[in-house]
Protein backbone atom coordinates (compact mmCIF):
# COMPACT_ATOMS: atom_id res chain seq x y z
CA MET A 1 35.03 -9.99 8.14
CA VAL A 2 32.01 -11.46 9.72
CA PRO A 3 29.66 -13.06 7.15
CA ARG A 4 26.35 -10.98 6.82
CA HIS A 5 24.22 -13.74 8.28
CA GLN A 6 26.29 -13.84 11.58
CA ALA A 7 26.48 -9.91 11.88
CA LEU A 8 22.83 -9.94 11.45
CA LYS A 9 22.02 -12.95 13.79
CA LEU A 10 20.36 -14.81 10.86
CA PRO A 11 20.52 -18.52 10.34
CA LYS A 12 23.01 -19.62 7.81
CA PRO A 13 21.69 -19.72 4.31
CA ALA A 14 21.43 -23.16 2.87
CA ILE A 15 22.19 -21.94 -0.73
CA HIS A 16 24.67 -19.47 -1.58
CA TYR A 17 24.26 -17.37 -4.85
CA HIS A 18 27.17 -15.55 -6.25
CA PRO A 19 26.25 -13.20 -9.14
CA PRO A 20 28.93 -13.10 -12.08
CA PHE A 21 30.44 -9.83 -10.89
CA PRO A 22 31.14 -8.16 -7.55
CA PHE A 23 27.96 -6.90 -5.85
CA ARG A 24 26.96 -5.83 -2.43
CA PRO A 25 23.73 -3.76 -1.94
CA ALA A 26 24.20 -0.64 -0.06
CA SER A 27 22.74 -0.02 3.43
CA GLY A 28 19.70 2.10 3.76
CA PRO A 29 18.23 3.96 6.66
CA HIS A 30 16.75 0.52 7.82
CA GLY A 31 19.81 -1.53 7.40
CA GLU A 32 20.31 -3.99 4.41
CA PHE A 33 17.62 -3.77 1.70
CA MET A 34 14.91 -6.45 1.74
CA PHE A 35 15.62 -8.02 -1.60
CA SER A 36 19.06 -9.38 -2.74
CA HIS A 37 17.58 -9.70 -6.47
CA VAL A 38 14.60 -9.90 -8.58
CA MET A 39 14.60 -12.44 -11.45
CA LEU A 40 11.92 -12.61 -14.22
CA GLY A 41 11.42 -15.53 -16.74
CA THR A 42 11.48 -14.85 -20.52
CA ASN A 43 10.77 -16.94 -23.54
CA ASP A 44 13.15 -14.79 -25.58
CA LEU A 45 16.23 -13.85 -23.90
CA GLU A 46 17.51 -11.42 -26.59
CA VAL A 47 14.19 -9.72 -27.10
CA SER A 48 13.89 -9.34 -23.45
CA LYS A 49 17.53 -8.06 -23.06
CA LYS A 50 16.74 -5.39 -25.72
CA PHE A 51 13.70 -4.30 -23.78
CA TYR A 52 15.50 -4.06 -20.23
CA ASP A 53 18.71 -2.66 -21.76
CA ALA A 54 16.47 0.26 -23.06
CA VAL A 55 14.07 0.77 -19.97
CA LEU A 56 16.88 0.33 -17.48
CA GLY A 57 19.25 2.45 -19.50
CA THR A 58 16.85 5.45 -18.91
CA LEU A 59 17.64 4.91 -15.04
CA GLY A 60 21.42 5.07 -15.56
CA ILE A 61 21.87 1.21 -15.42
CA GLY A 62 24.19 -0.49 -17.80
CA PRO A 63 23.26 -3.09 -20.35
CA GLY A 64 22.63 -6.66 -18.90
CA VAL A 65 25.70 -8.84 -18.27
CA ALA A 66 25.52 -12.26 -19.59
CA ASN A 67 25.78 -15.51 -17.51
CA LYS A 68 24.73 -18.57 -19.31
CA ASN A 69 20.99 -18.26 -20.07
CA ARG A 70 20.67 -15.04 -18.09
CA TYR A 71 21.46 -11.26 -18.02
CA PHE A 72 21.96 -9.42 -14.84
CA TYR A 73 21.55 -5.73 -14.34
CA ARG A 74 22.93 -4.10 -11.15
CA SER A 75 22.50 -0.89 -9.31
CA PRO A 76 23.91 0.32 -6.12
CA THR A 77 20.87 -0.91 -4.21
CA GLY A 78 19.98 -4.13 -6.04
CA LEU A 79 20.26 -6.83 -8.60
CA PHE A 80 17.63 -7.49 -11.53
CA GLY A 81 17.94 -10.52 -13.77
CA ILE A 82 16.08 -12.09 -16.65
CA THR A 83 16.37 -15.83 -17.53
CA THR A 84 14.97 -18.66 -19.41
CA PRO A 85 13.25 -21.06 -17.12
CA ILE A 86 15.76 -23.65 -15.88
CA ASN A 87 13.04 -26.32 -15.79
CA GLY A 88 12.47 -26.06 -19.60
CA GLU A 89 8.90 -24.92 -19.29
CA PRO A 90 7.53 -21.81 -20.92
CA ALA A 91 7.95 -18.47 -18.70
CA THR A 92 4.79 -17.09 -17.59
CA HIS A 93 3.83 -13.70 -15.97
CA GLY A 94 2.10 -13.45 -12.61
CA ASN A 95 -1.48 -12.45 -12.51
CA GLY A 96 -1.67 -9.68 -10.03
CA SER A 97 2.23 -9.09 -10.03
CA THR A 98 3.98 -5.86 -10.65
CA ILE A 99 7.67 -5.13 -10.33
CA GLY A 100 8.12 -1.51 -9.45
CA PHE A 101 11.24 0.56 -10.22
CA ASN A 102 12.28 3.57 -8.09
CA VAL A 103 12.80 6.49 -10.39
CA PRO A 104 14.33 9.94 -9.52
CA SER A 105 12.32 12.25 -11.53
CA ALA A 106 8.90 12.34 -13.48
CA GLU A 107 10.77 12.95 -16.72
CA GLN A 108 12.62 9.60 -16.20
CA VAL A 109 9.43 7.83 -15.58
CA ASP A 110 8.25 9.10 -18.95
CA ALA A 111 11.45 8.05 -20.56
CA PHE A 112 11.19 4.55 -18.97
CA HIS A 113 7.73 4.22 -20.27
CA ALA A 114 8.56 5.51 -23.84
CA ALA A 115 11.51 3.23 -24.03
CA GLY A 116 9.65 0.24 -22.90
CA VAL A 117 6.95 0.97 -25.66
CA ALA A 118 9.59 1.41 -28.18
CA ASN A 119 11.20 -1.64 -27.61
CA GLY A 120 8.45 -4.30 -27.49
CA GLY A 121 6.49 -3.33 -24.31
CA THR A 122 2.84 -2.50 -24.27
CA THR A 123 1.32 0.26 -22.07
CA CYS A 124 -1.24 -0.82 -19.35
CA GLU A 125 -3.42 0.97 -16.83
CA ASP A 126 -3.61 4.83 -17.11
CA PRO A 127 -1.22 6.90 -19.12
CA PRO A 128 1.98 7.99 -17.30
CA GLY A 129 1.25 10.73 -14.69
CA PHE A 130 0.42 11.65 -11.13
CA ARG A 131 -1.85 9.46 -8.91
CA GLU A 132 -3.07 10.60 -5.75
CA GLY A 133 -4.31 8.32 -2.78
CA GLY A 134 -5.02 9.90 0.53
CA ALA A 135 -1.99 12.06 1.65
CA VAL A 136 0.30 10.27 -1.04
CA LYS A 137 0.96 11.68 -4.50
CA LEU A 138 3.10 9.56 -6.89
CA TYR A 139 4.10 9.94 -10.54
CA LEU A 140 3.56 6.46 -12.23
CA ALA A 141 3.80 4.68 -15.57
CA TYR A 142 2.74 1.14 -16.12
CA LEU A 143 3.66 -1.30 -18.88
CA ARG A 144 4.11 -4.89 -19.60
CA ASP A 145 7.44 -6.26 -21.04
CA PRO A 146 7.45 -8.48 -24.12
CA ASP A 147 6.59 -11.61 -22.01
CA GLY A 148 3.70 -9.86 -20.23
CA ASN A 149 5.36 -9.02 -16.79
CA LYS A 150 3.80 -5.83 -15.41
CA LEU A 151 6.25 -3.20 -14.52
CA CYS A 152 5.88 0.29 -12.78
CA ALA A 153 8.10 3.15 -12.95
CA LEU A 154 7.53 5.22 -9.74
CA HIS A 155 8.69 8.71 -8.70
CA ARG A 156 8.00 10.06 -5.26
CA PRO A 157 8.19 13.97 -5.56
CA ALA A 158 9.36 15.94 -2.55
CA LYS A 159 6.69 17.05 -0.24
């Protein structure tokens, strides 16, 4: 088997990260997905795990898998993790940053939002619902996790 960086004609990665369980993202219509993983810092790992177990559970993603001071959530298309900062400093959220999750239905967007609010998250922006911008119509819900990270559940309805 040819290593991915050789098959894609990329330079050899300097750092290799191996998640705590077998994982390989599925290929999409444009080849491999852009991100291998998304990691967010937290100041209270167990509070954050409760929150993400609930919101990601609405998408059919199992509970976080522990790995030292981290929890990982996997889907067929990506890896999401929460961690206490390795430098010992407090975790902070990014002003202007949003992590968006693709959701298969408007009902699941609502369930994602409700589970988040019920597990320590706070709603932000407009209530869950349709937003239109030009030719695009999306069903969105925004909330902040217990550490203030801004999340979006996004459903793209069929045209």
